[in-house]
Each structure stands twice: as C-alpha cells, then as structure tokens.
Amino acid sequence: KGIPVGLNWTWMFVFILVFWSLASVLFPDDYPGLSATS
C-alpha cells in the first residue's frame, strides 16, 4: 500500500543468534534424543 518494507543488515545477526540458541540449547533440552537435523 505504498509503504516500502526493508531489512536492515543487523536482522541477519539476530536471525543467526535466535536460530543458534533454539537449535543448540532450547530444543535439545526440551526434546532430547532427536537428530541434529531435526
């Protein structure tokens, strides 16, 4: 609707940080025994 939507480069850093914390800490603790790919 005429509003430009943009992405700042810092979002990539935050994306990686959230992804890493979920994949390496939260999900393995909450759902033990799954594969790394899962």
Full PDB file with SEQRES, HELIX, SHEET, SSBOND, CRYST1, ORIGX, SCALE, CONECT and MASTER records, all heavy atoms in Angstrom:
SEQRES   1 A   38  LYS GLY ILE PRO VAL GLY LEU ASN TRP THR TRP MET PHE          
SEQRES   2 A   38  VAL PHE ILE LEU VAL PHE TRP SER LEU ALA SER VAL LEU          
SEQRES   3 A   38  PHE PRO ASP ASP TYR PRO GLY LEU SER ALA THR SER              
HELIX    1 AA1 THR A   10  SER A   21  1                                  12    
HELIX    2 AA2 LEU A   22  LEU A   26  3                                   5    
HELIX    3 AA3 PHE A   27  ASP A   30  1                                   4    
CRYST1    1.000    1.000    1.000  90.00  90.00  90.00 P 1           1          
ORIGX1      1.000000  0.000000  0.000000        0.00000                         
ORIGX2      0.000000  1.000000  0.000000        0.00000                         
ORIGX3      0.000000  0.000000  1.000000        0.00000                         
SCALE1      1.000000  0.000000  0.000000        0.00000                         
SCALE2      0.000000  1.000000  0.000000        0.00000                         
SCALE3      0.000000  0.000000  1.000000        0.00000                         
ATOM      1  N   LYS A   1       0.825  -1.217   0.000  1.00  0.00           N  
ATOM      2  CA  LYS A   1       0.000   0.000   0.000  1.00  0.00           C  
ATOM      3  C   LYS A   1       0.855   1.261   0.000  1.00  0.00           C  
ATOM      4  O   LYS A   1       0.571   2.224   0.710  1.00  0.00           O  
ATOM      5  CB  LYS A   1      -0.965  -0.009   1.180  1.00  0.00           C  
ATOM      6  CG  LYS A   1      -1.969  -1.107   1.124  1.00  0.00           C  
ATOM      7  CD  LYS A   1      -3.268  -0.663   1.695  1.00  0.00           C  
ATOM      8  CE  LYS A   1      -4.246  -1.803   1.560  1.00  0.00           C  
ATOM      9  NZ  LYS A   1      -5.533  -1.345   1.176  1.00  0.00           N  
ATOM     10  N   GLY A   2       1.924   1.244  -0.768  1.00  0.00           N  
ATOM     11  CA  GLY A   2       2.791   2.403  -0.884  1.00  0.00           C  
ATOM     12  C   GLY A   2       3.832   2.542   0.212  1.00  0.00           C  
ATOM     13  O   GLY A   2       4.583   3.509   0.233  1.00  0.00           O  
ATOM     14  N   ILE A   3       3.883   1.587   1.116  1.00  0.00           N  
ATOM     15  CA  ILE A   3       4.854   1.626   2.220  1.00  0.00           C  
ATOM     16  C   ILE A   3       5.997   0.682   1.880  1.00  0.00           C  
ATOM     17  O   ILE A   3       5.805  -0.532   1.785  1.00  0.00           O  
ATOM     18  CB  ILE A   3       4.214   1.176   3.551  1.00  0.00           C  
ATOM     19  CG1 ILE A   3       2.987   2.010   3.881  1.00  0.00           C  
ATOM     20  CG2 ILE A   3       5.233   1.238   4.675  1.00  0.00           C  
ATOM     21  CD1 ILE A   3       2.161   1.434   5.019  1.00  0.00           C  
ATOM     22  N   PRO A   4       7.212   1.217   1.692  1.00  0.00           N  
ATOM     23  CA  PRO A   4       8.346   0.329   1.443  1.00  0.00           C  
ATOM     24  C   PRO A   4       8.714  -0.462   2.704  1.00  0.00           C  
ATOM     25  O   PRO A   4       8.759   0.089   3.794  1.00  0.00           O  
ATOM     26  CB  PRO A   4       9.476   1.270   1.046  1.00  0.00           C  
ATOM     27  CG  PRO A   4       8.989   2.642   1.261  1.00  0.00           C  
ATOM     28  CD  PRO A   4       7.556   2.611   1.626  1.00  0.00           C  
ATOM     29  N   VAL A   5       8.940  -1.743   2.537  1.00  0.00           N  
ATOM     30  CA  VAL A   5       9.341  -2.617   3.638  1.00  0.00           C  
ATOM     31  C   VAL A   5      10.783  -3.037   3.371  1.00  0.00           C  
ATOM     32  O   VAL A   5      11.084  -3.586   2.319  1.00  0.00           O  
ATOM     33  CB  VAL A   5       8.426  -3.855   3.739  1.00  0.00           C  
ATOM     34  CG1 VAL A   5       8.887  -4.779   4.850  1.00  0.00           C  
ATOM     35  CG2 VAL A   5       6.982  -3.431   3.950  1.00  0.00           C  
ATOM     36  N   GLY A   6      11.639  -2.739   4.339  1.00  0.00           N  
ATOM     37  CA  GLY A   6      13.052  -3.034   4.168  1.00  0.00           C  
ATOM     38  C   GLY A   6      13.609  -3.891   5.283  1.00  0.00           C  
ATOM     39  O   GLY A   6      12.968  -4.113   6.306  1.00  0.00           O  
ATOM     40  N   LEU A   7      14.817  -4.360   5.054  1.00  0.00           N  
ATOM     41  CA  LEU A   7      15.504  -5.219   6.005  1.00  0.00           C  
ATOM     42  C   LEU A   7      16.871  -4.621   6.296  1.00  0.00           C  
ATOM     43  O   LEU A   7      17.650  -4.360   5.378  1.00  0.00           O  
ATOM     44  CB  LEU A   7      15.661  -6.623   5.413  1.00  0.00           C  
ATOM     45  CG  LEU A   7      16.273  -7.692   6.284  1.00  0.00           C  
ATOM     46  CD1 LEU A   7      15.350  -7.999   7.452  1.00  0.00           C  
ATOM     47  CD2 LEU A   7      16.503  -8.947   5.466  1.00  0.00           C  
ATOM     48  N   ASN A   8      17.150  -4.398   7.561  1.00  0.00           N  
ATOM     49  CA  ASN A   8      18.445  -3.896   7.985  1.00  0.00           C  
ATOM     50  C   ASN A   8      19.400  -5.072   8.144  1.00  0.00           C  
ATOM     51  O   ASN A   8      18.989  -6.161   8.539  1.00  0.00           O  
ATOM     52  CB  ASN A   8      18.288  -3.133   9.306  1.00  0.00           C  
ATOM     53  CG  ASN A   8      19.532  -2.385   9.695  1.00  0.00           C  
ATOM     54  OD1 ASN A   8      20.518  -2.979  10.083  1.00  0.00           O  
ATOM     55  ND2 ASN A   8      19.476  -1.074   9.588  1.00  0.00           N  
ATOM     56  N   TRP A   9      20.672  -4.855   7.870  1.00  0.00           N  
ATOM     57  CA  TRP A   9      21.653  -5.933   7.933  1.00  0.00           C  
ATOM     58  C   TRP A   9      21.763  -6.528   9.327  1.00  0.00           C  
ATOM     59  O   TRP A   9      22.151  -7.683   9.485  1.00  0.00           O  
ATOM     60  CB  TRP A   9      23.011  -5.454   7.450  1.00  0.00           C  
ATOM     61  CG  TRP A   9      23.653  -4.451   8.347  1.00  0.00           C  
ATOM     62  CD1 TRP A   9      23.518  -3.098   8.298  1.00  0.00           C  
ATOM     63  CD2 TRP A   9      24.517  -4.708   9.456  1.00  0.00           C  
ATOM     64  NE1 TRP A   9      24.231  -2.500   9.293  1.00  0.00           N  
ATOM     65  CE2 TRP A   9      24.859  -3.475  10.028  1.00  0.00           C  
ATOM     66  CE3 TRP A   9      25.028  -5.875  10.021  1.00  0.00           C  
ATOM     67  CZ2 TRP A   9      25.681  -3.371  11.135  1.00  0.00           C  
ATOM     68  CZ3 TRP A   9      25.858  -5.759  11.130  1.00  0.00           C  
ATOM     69  CH2 TRP A   9      26.179  -4.518  11.670  1.00  0.00           C  
ATOM     70  N   THR A  10      21.408  -5.792  10.376  1.00  0.00           N  
ATOM     71  CA  THR A  10      21.509  -6.309  11.745  1.00  0.00           C  
ATOM     72  C   THR A  10      20.520  -7.444  12.000  1.00  0.00           C  
ATOM     73  O   THR A  10      20.731  -8.254  12.896  1.00  0.00           O  
ATOM     74  CB  THR A  10      21.289  -5.195  12.771  1.00  0.00           C  
ATOM     75  OG1 THR A  10      20.019  -4.580  12.539  1.00  0.00           O  
ATOM     76  CG2 THR A  10      22.384  -4.152  12.685  1.00  0.00           C  
ATOM     77  N   TRP A  11      19.458  -7.514  11.187  1.00  0.00           N  
ATOM     78  CA  TRP A  11      18.500  -8.596  11.355  1.00  0.00           C  
ATOM     79  C   TRP A  11      19.139  -9.941  11.075  1.00  0.00           C  
ATOM     80  O   TRP A  11      18.742 -10.951  11.659  1.00  0.00           O  
ATOM     81  CB  TRP A  11      17.285  -8.371  10.459  1.00  0.00           C  
ATOM     82  CG  TRP A  11      16.316  -7.441  11.107  1.00  0.00           C  
ATOM     83  CD1 TRP A  11      16.397  -6.087  11.170  1.00  0.00           C  
ATOM     84  CD2 TRP A  11      15.144  -7.794  11.826  1.00  0.00           C  
ATOM     85  NE1 TRP A  11      15.349  -5.586  11.866  1.00  0.00           N  
ATOM     86  CE2 TRP A  11      14.556  -6.611  12.287  1.00  0.00           C  
ATOM     87  CE3 TRP A  11      14.540  -9.011  12.113  1.00  0.00           C  
ATOM     88  CZ2 TRP A  11      13.394  -6.606  13.028  1.00  0.00           C  
ATOM     89  CZ3 TRP A  11      13.368  -8.986  12.846  1.00  0.00           C  
ATOM     90  CH2 TRP A  11      12.811  -7.804  13.296  1.00  0.00           C  
ATOM     91  N   MET A  12      20.119  -9.992  10.202  1.00  0.00           N  
ATOM     92  CA  MET A  12      20.799 -11.259   9.930  1.00  0.00           C  
ATOM     93  C   MET A  12      21.524 -11.745  11.185  1.00  0.00           C  
ATOM     94  O   MET A  12      21.482 -12.933  11.513  1.00  0.00           O  
ATOM     95  CB  MET A  12      21.792 -11.098   8.769  1.00  0.00           C  
ATOM     96  CG  MET A  12      22.467 -12.388   8.379  1.00  0.00           C  
ATOM     97  SD  MET A  12      21.340 -13.709   7.911  1.00  0.00           S  
ATOM     98  CE  MET A  12      20.767 -13.117   6.355  1.00  0.00           C  
ATOM     99  N   PHE A  13      22.142 -10.836  11.896  1.00  0.00           N  
ATOM    100  CA  PHE A  13      22.816 -11.187  13.140  1.00  0.00           C  
ATOM    101  C   PHE A  13      21.807 -11.729  14.153  1.00  0.00           C  
ATOM    102  O   PHE A  13      22.046 -12.764  14.788  1.00  0.00           O  
ATOM    103  CB  PHE A  13      23.554  -9.968  13.709  1.00  0.00           C  
ATOM    104  CG  PHE A  13      24.158 -10.195  15.047  1.00  0.00           C  
ATOM    105  CD1 PHE A  13      25.282 -10.985  15.199  1.00  0.00           C  
ATOM    106  CD2 PHE A  13      23.602  -9.616  16.175  1.00  0.00           C  
ATOM    107  CE1 PHE A  13      25.842 -11.212  16.445  1.00  0.00           C  
ATOM    108  CE2 PHE A  13      24.146  -9.831  17.423  1.00  0.00           C  
ATOM    109  CZ  PHE A  13      25.269 -10.638  17.559  1.00  0.00           C  
ATOM    110  N   VAL A  14      20.681 -11.063  14.297  1.00  0.00           N  
ATOM    111  CA  VAL A  14      19.657 -11.501  15.245  1.00  0.00           C  
ATOM    112  C   VAL A  14      19.058 -12.840  14.797  1.00  0.00           C  
ATOM    113  O   VAL A  14      18.814 -13.723  15.617  1.00  0.00           O  
ATOM    114  CB  VAL A  14      18.562 -10.418  15.412  1.00  0.00           C  
ATOM    115  CG1 VAL A  14      17.449 -10.903  16.313  1.00  0.00           C  
ATOM    116  CG2 VAL A  14      19.167  -9.137  15.951  1.00  0.00           C  
ATOM    117  N   PHE A  15      18.829 -13.004  13.493  1.00  0.00           N  
ATOM    118  CA  PHE A  15      18.309 -14.265  12.964  1.00  0.00           C  
ATOM    119  C   PHE A  15      19.235 -15.419  13.332  1.00  0.00           C  
ATOM    120  O   PHE A  15      18.792 -16.452  13.823  1.00  0.00           O  
ATOM    121  CB  PHE A  15      18.152 -14.169  11.440  1.00  0.00           C  
ATOM    122  CG  PHE A  15      17.503 -15.368  10.810  1.00  0.00           C  
ATOM    123  CD1 PHE A  15      16.144 -15.369  10.561  1.00  0.00           C  
ATOM    124  CD2 PHE A  15      18.248 -16.482  10.466  1.00  0.00           C  
ATOM    125  CE1 PHE A  15      15.535 -16.471   9.991  1.00  0.00           C  
ATOM    126  CE2 PHE A  15      17.648 -17.587   9.899  1.00  0.00           C  
ATOM    127  CZ  PHE A  15      16.278 -17.583   9.655  1.00  0.00           C  
ATOM    128  N   ILE A  16      20.527 -15.227  13.100  1.00  0.00           N  
ATOM    129  CA  ILE A  16      21.507 -16.271  13.406  1.00  0.00           C  
ATOM    130  C   ILE A  16      21.553 -16.556  14.908  1.00  0.00           C  
ATOM    131  O   ILE A  16      21.606 -17.716  15.329  1.00  0.00           O  
ATOM    132  CB  ILE A  16      22.895 -15.882  12.867  1.00  0.00           C  
ATOM    133  CG1 ILE A  16      22.882 -15.915  11.335  1.00  0.00           C  
ATOM    134  CG2 ILE A  16      23.987 -16.793  13.418  1.00  0.00           C  
ATOM    135  CD1 ILE A  16      24.090 -15.293  10.687  1.00  0.00           C  
ATOM    136  N   LEU A  17      21.487 -15.520  15.716  1.00  0.00           N  
ATOM    137  CA  LEU A  17      21.522 -15.692  17.167  1.00  0.00           C  
ATOM    138  C   LEU A  17      20.306 -16.466  17.667  1.00  0.00           C  
ATOM    139  O   LEU A  17      20.438 -17.392  18.481  1.00  0.00           O  
ATOM    140  CB  LEU A  17      21.608 -14.326  17.846  1.00  0.00           C  
ATOM    141  CG  LEU A  17      21.795 -14.314  19.351  1.00  0.00           C  
ATOM    142  CD1 LEU A  17      23.110 -14.982  19.725  1.00  0.00           C  
ATOM    143  CD2 LEU A  17      21.767 -12.883  19.856  1.00  0.00           C  
ATOM    144  N   VAL A  18      19.117 -16.119  17.192  1.00  0.00           N  
ATOM    145  CA  VAL A  18      17.897 -16.834  17.594  1.00  0.00           C  
ATOM    146  C   VAL A  18      17.951 -18.280  17.098  1.00  0.00           C  
ATOM    147  O   VAL A  18      17.661 -19.215  17.854  1.00  0.00           O  
ATOM    148  CB  VAL A  18      16.638 -16.104  17.068  1.00  0.00           C  
ATOM    149  CG1 VAL A  18      15.384 -16.941  17.263  1.00  0.00           C  
ATOM    150  CG2 VAL A  18      16.480 -14.745  17.746  1.00  0.00           C  
ATOM    151  N   PHE A  19      18.332 -18.462  15.844  1.00  0.00           N  
ATOM    152  CA  PHE A  19      18.433 -19.808  15.266  1.00  0.00           C  
ATOM    153  C   PHE A  19      19.407 -20.667  16.069  1.00  0.00           C  
ATOM    154  O   PHE A  19      19.097 -21.809  16.439  1.00  0.00           O  
ATOM    155  CB  PHE A  19      18.879 -19.705  13.806  1.00  0.00           C  
ATOM    156  CG  PHE A  19      19.168 -21.020  13.160  1.00  0.00           C  
ATOM    157  CD1 PHE A  19      18.136 -21.828  12.724  1.00  0.00           C  
ATOM    158  CD2 PHE A  19      20.475 -21.458  12.995  1.00  0.00           C  
ATOM    159  CE1 PHE A  19      18.401 -23.052  12.123  1.00  0.00           C  
ATOM    160  CE2 PHE A  19      20.741 -22.679  12.409  1.00  0.00           C  
ATOM    161  CZ  PHE A  19      19.700 -23.472  11.964  1.00  0.00           C  
ATOM    162  N   TRP A  20      20.569 -20.143  16.360  1.00  0.00           N  
ATOM    163  CA  TRP A  20      21.595 -20.887  17.093  1.00  0.00           C  
ATOM    164  C   TRP A  20      21.108 -21.257  18.495  1.00  0.00           C  
ATOM    165  O   TRP A  20      21.291 -22.391  18.952  1.00  0.00           O  
ATOM    166  CB  TRP A  20      22.878 -20.069  17.170  1.00  0.00           C  
ATOM    167  CG  TRP A  20      23.894 -20.681  18.070  1.00  0.00           C  
ATOM    168  CD1 TRP A  20      24.706 -21.742  17.810  1.00  0.00           C  
ATOM    169  CD2 TRP A  20      24.180 -20.293  19.414  1.00  0.00           C  
ATOM    170  NE1 TRP A  20      25.480 -22.034  18.899  1.00  0.00           N  
ATOM    171  CE2 TRP A  20      25.180 -21.153  19.905  1.00  0.00           C  
ATOM    172  CE3 TRP A  20      23.677 -19.289  20.244  1.00  0.00           C  
ATOM    173  CZ2 TRP A  20      25.683 -21.041  21.185  1.00  0.00           C  
ATOM    174  CZ3 TRP A  20      24.186 -19.182  21.514  1.00  0.00           C  
ATOM    175  CH2 TRP A  20      25.181 -20.051  21.981  1.00  0.00           C  
ATOM    176  N   SER A  21      20.482 -20.303  19.193  1.00  0.00           N  
ATOM    177  CA  SER A  21      20.040 -20.596  20.558  1.00  0.00           C  
ATOM    178  C   SER A  21      18.924 -21.640  20.576  1.00  0.00           C  
ATOM    179  O   SER A  21      18.879 -22.486  21.474  1.00  0.00           O  
ATOM    180  CB  SER A  21      19.609 -19.322  21.280  1.00  0.00           C  
ATOM    181  OG  SER A  21      18.488 -18.750  20.657  1.00  0.00           O  
ATOM    182  N   LEU A  22      18.045 -21.613  19.586  1.00  0.00           N  
ATOM    183  CA  LEU A  22      16.996 -22.633  19.520  1.00  0.00           C  
ATOM    184  C   LEU A  22      17.576 -24.005  19.180  1.00  0.00           C  
ATOM    185  O   LEU A  22      17.231 -25.005  19.797  1.00  0.00           O  
ATOM    186  CB  LEU A  22      15.943 -22.243  18.477  1.00  0.00           C  
ATOM    187  CG  LEU A  22      15.049 -21.064  18.813  1.00  0.00           C  
ATOM    188  CD1 LEU A  22      14.163 -20.720  17.629  1.00  0.00           C  
ATOM    189  CD2 LEU A  22      14.223 -21.332  20.048  1.00  0.00           C  
ATOM    190  N   ALA A  23      18.458 -24.045  18.177  1.00  0.00           N  
ATOM    191  CA  ALA A  23      18.993 -25.325  17.695  1.00  0.00           C  
ATOM    192  C   ALA A  23      19.964 -25.972  18.666  1.00  0.00           C  
ATOM    193  O   ALA A  23      20.043 -27.201  18.738  1.00  0.00           O  
ATOM    194  CB  ALA A  23      19.671 -25.128  16.343  1.00  0.00           C  
ATOM    195  N   SER A  24      20.701 -25.164  19.405  1.00  0.00           N  
ATOM    196  CA  SER A  24      21.752 -25.756  20.241  1.00  0.00           C  
ATOM    197  C   SER A  24      21.410 -25.829  21.723  1.00  0.00           C  
ATOM    198  O   SER A  24      22.034 -26.607  22.447  1.00  0.00           O  
ATOM    199  CB  SER A  24      23.057 -24.975  20.066  1.00  0.00           C  
ATOM    200  OG  SER A  24      22.903 -23.661  20.551  1.00  0.00           O  
ATOM    201  N   VAL A  25      20.425 -25.057  22.163  1.00  0.00           N  
ATOM    202  CA  VAL A  25      20.122 -25.044  23.596  1.00  0.00           C  
ATOM    203  C   VAL A  25      18.666 -25.438  23.875  1.00  0.00           C  
ATOM    204  O   VAL A  25      18.405 -26.431  24.549  1.00  0.00           O  
ATOM    205  CB  VAL A  25      20.416 -23.655  24.214  1.00  0.00           C  
ATOM    206  CG1 VAL A  25      20.062 -23.639  25.689  1.00  0.00           C  
ATOM    207  CG2 VAL A  25      21.864 -23.259  24.002  1.00  0.00           C  
ATOM    208  N   LEU A  26      17.739 -24.668  23.385  1.00  0.00           N  
ATOM    209  CA  LEU A  26      16.340 -24.853  23.776  1.00  0.00           C  
ATOM    210  C   LEU A  26      15.759 -26.183  23.305  1.00  0.00           C  
ATOM    211  O   LEU A  26      15.242 -26.963  24.112  1.00  0.00           O  
ATOM    212  CB  LEU A  26      15.484 -23.693  23.256  1.00  0.00           C  
ATOM    213  CG  LEU A  26      14.021 -23.764  23.689  1.00  0.00           C  
ATOM    214  CD1 LEU A  26      13.902 -23.435  25.162  1.00  0.00           C  
ATOM    215  CD2 LEU A  26      13.162 -22.867  22.855  1.00  0.00           C  
ATOM    216  N   PHE A  27      15.808 -26.456  22.016  1.00  0.00           N  
ATOM    217  CA  PHE A  27      15.190 -27.679  21.500  1.00  0.00           C  
ATOM    218  C   PHE A  27      15.872 -28.954  21.995  1.00  0.00           C  
ATOM    219  O   PHE A  27      15.184 -29.909  22.365  1.00  0.00           O  
ATOM    220  CB  PHE A  27      15.087 -27.642  19.983  1.00  0.00           C  
ATOM    221  CG  PHE A  27      14.065 -26.656  19.483  1.00  0.00           C  
ATOM    222  CD1 PHE A  27      14.251 -25.991  18.283  1.00  0.00           C  
ATOM    223  CD2 PHE A  27      12.904 -26.378  20.192  1.00  0.00           C  
ATOM    224  CE1 PHE A  27      13.308 -25.087  17.810  1.00  0.00           C  
ATOM    225  CE2 PHE A  27      11.959 -25.476  19.731  1.00  0.00           C  
ATOM    226  CZ  PHE A  27      12.159 -24.821  18.543  1.00  0.00           C  
ATOM    227  N   PRO A  28      17.209 -29.029  22.049  1.00  0.00           N  
ATOM    228  CA  PRO A  28      17.828 -30.250  22.607  1.00  0.00           C  
ATOM    229  C   PRO A  28      17.471 -30.485  24.078  1.00  0.00           C  
ATOM    230  O   PRO A  28      17.337 -31.631  24.506  1.00  0.00           O  
ATOM    231  CB  PRO A  28      19.324 -30.010  22.434  1.00  0.00           C  
ATOM    232  CG  PRO A  28      19.415 -29.082  21.272  1.00  0.00           C  
ATOM    233  CD  PRO A  28      18.221 -28.180  21.407  1.00  0.00           C  
ATOM    234  N   ASP A  29      17.308 -29.405  24.845  1.00  0.00           N  
ATOM    235  CA  ASP A  29      16.923 -29.565  26.250  1.00  0.00           C  
ATOM    236  C   ASP A  29      15.467 -29.997  26.391  1.00  0.00           C  
ATOM    237  O   ASP A  29      15.136 -30.809  27.253  1.00  0.00           O  
ATOM    238  CB  ASP A  29      17.137 -28.263  27.025  1.00  0.00           C  
ATOM    239  CG  ASP A  29      18.596 -27.972  27.303  1.00  0.00           C  
ATOM    240  OD1 ASP A  29      19.430 -28.873  27.091  1.00  0.00           O  
ATOM    241  OD2 ASP A  29      18.896 -26.842  27.729  1.00  0.00           O  
ATOM    242  N   ASP A  30      14.594 -29.427  25.568  1.00  0.00           N  
ATOM    243  CA  ASP A  30      13.165 -29.723  25.671  1.00  0.00           C  
ATOM    244  C   ASP A  30      12.753 -31.004  24.969  1.00  0.00           C  
ATOM    245  O   ASP A  30      11.762 -31.633  25.337  1.00  0.00           O  
ATOM    246  CB  ASP A  30      12.340 -28.558  25.115  1.00  0.00           C  
ATOM    247  CG  ASP A  30      12.359 -27.341  26.027  1.00  0.00           C  
ATOM    248  OD1 ASP A  30      12.819 -27.471  27.181  1.00  0.00           O  
ATOM    249  OD2 ASP A  30      11.917 -26.265  25.585  1.00  0.00           O  
ATOM    250  N   TYR A  31      13.466 -31.383  23.927  1.00  0.00           N  
ATOM    251  CA  TYR A  31      13.140 -32.582  23.143  1.00  0.00           C  
ATOM    252  C   TYR A  31      14.399 -33.432  22.948  1.00  0.00           C  
ATOM    253  O   TYR A  31      14.930 -33.524  21.845  1.00  0.00           O  
ATOM    254  CB  TYR A  31      12.562 -32.184  21.777  1.00  0.00           C  
ATOM    255  CG  TYR A  31      11.386 -31.256  21.885  1.00  0.00           C  
ATOM    256  CD1 TYR A  31      11.526 -29.891  21.653  1.00  0.00           C  
ATOM    257  CD2 TYR A  31      10.128 -31.733  22.239  1.00  0.00           C  
ATOM    258  CE1 TYR A  31      10.449 -29.035  21.765  1.00  0.00           C  
ATOM    259  CE2 TYR A  31       9.043 -30.884  22.361  1.00  0.00           C  
ATOM    260  CZ  TYR A  31       9.210 -29.538  22.118  1.00  0.00           C  
ATOM    261  OH  TYR A  31       8.138 -28.686  22.246  1.00  0.00           O  
ATOM    262  N   PRO A  32      14.875 -34.078  24.004  1.00  0.00           N  
ATOM    263  CA  PRO A  32      16.111 -34.857  23.893  1.00  0.00           C  
ATOM    264  C   PRO A  32      15.928 -36.089  23.009  1.00  0.00           C  
ATOM    265  O   PRO A  32      14.831 -36.635  22.880  1.00  0.00           O  
ATOM    266  CB  PRO A  32      16.411 -35.261  25.340  1.00  0.00           C  
ATOM    267  CG  PRO A  32      15.104 -35.183  26.044  1.00  0.00           C  
ATOM    268  CD  PRO A  32      14.307 -34.130  25.349  1.00  0.00           C  
ATOM    269  N   GLY A  33      17.023 -36.503  22.377  1.00  0.00           N  
ATOM    270  CA  GLY A  33      17.032 -37.739  21.612  1.00  0.00           C  
ATOM    271  C   GLY A  33      16.752 -37.593  20.133  1.00  0.00           C  
ATOM    272  O   GLY A  33      16.781 -38.582  19.408  1.00  0.00           O  
ATOM    273  N   LEU A  34      16.483 -36.390  19.653  1.00  0.00           N  
ATOM    274  CA  LEU A  34      16.249 -36.193  18.224  1.00  0.00           C  
ATOM    275  C   LEU A  34      17.587 -36.013  17.504  1.00  0.00           C  
ATOM    276  O   LEU A  34      18.611 -35.730  18.120  1.00  0.00           O  
ATOM    277  CB  LEU A  34      15.363 -34.973  17.986  1.00  0.00           C  
ATOM    278  CG  LEU A  34      13.956 -35.013  18.588  1.00  0.00           C  
ATOM    279  CD1 LEU A  34      13.231 -33.706  18.323  1.00  0.00           C  
ATOM    280  CD2 LEU A  34      13.172 -36.184  18.032  1.00  0.00           C  
ATOM    281  N   SER A  35      17.562 -36.124  16.204  1.00  0.00           N  
ATOM    282  CA  SER A  35      18.790 -35.942  15.426  1.00  0.00           C  
ATOM    283  C   SER A  35      19.134 -34.456  15.317  1.00  0.00           C  
ATOM    284  O   SER A  35      18.272 -33.590  15.502  1.00  0.00           O  
ATOM    285  CB  SER A  35      18.616 -36.525  14.025  1.00  0.00           C  
ATOM    286  OG  SER A  35      17.682 -35.758  13.290  1.00  0.00           O  
ATOM    287  N   ALA A  36      20.377 -34.186  14.997  1.00  0.00           N  
ATOM    288  CA  ALA A  36      20.823 -32.804  14.817  1.00  0.00           C  
ATOM    289  C   ALA A  36      20.056 -32.125  13.689  1.00  0.00           C  
ATOM    290  O   ALA A  36      19.725 -30.941  13.777  1.00  0.00           O  
ATOM    291  CB  ALA A  36      22.320 -32.762  14.546  1.00  0.00           C  
ATOM    292  N   THR A  37      19.748 -32.883  12.654  1.00  0.00           N  
ATOM    293  CA  THR A  37      18.986 -32.332  11.530  1.00  0.00           C  
ATOM    294  C   THR A  37      17.592 -31.901  11.978  1.00  0.00           C  
ATOM    295  O   THR A  37      17.088 -30.874  11.531  1.00  0.00           O  
ATOM    296  CB  THR A  37      18.874 -33.377  10.395  1.00  0.00           C  
ATOM    297  OG1 THR A  37      20.188 -33.800  10.041  1.00  0.00           O  
ATOM    298  CG2 THR A  37      18.176 -32.804   9.185  1.00  0.00           C  
ATOM    299  N   SER A  38      16.996 -32.675  12.862  1.00  0.00           N  
ATOM    300  CA  SER A  38      15.671 -32.304  13.380  1.00  0.00           C  
ATOM    301  C   SER A  38      15.730 -30.997  14.155  1.00  0.00           C  
ATOM    302  O   SER A  38      14.863 -30.137  13.996  1.00  0.00           O  
ATOM    303  CB  SER A  38      15.131 -33.413  14.289  1.00  0.00           C  
ATOM    304  OG  SER A  38      14.909 -34.587  13.571  1.00  0.00           O  
TER     305      SER A  38                                                      
MASTER        0    0    0    3    0    0    0    6  304    1    0    3          
END                                                                             
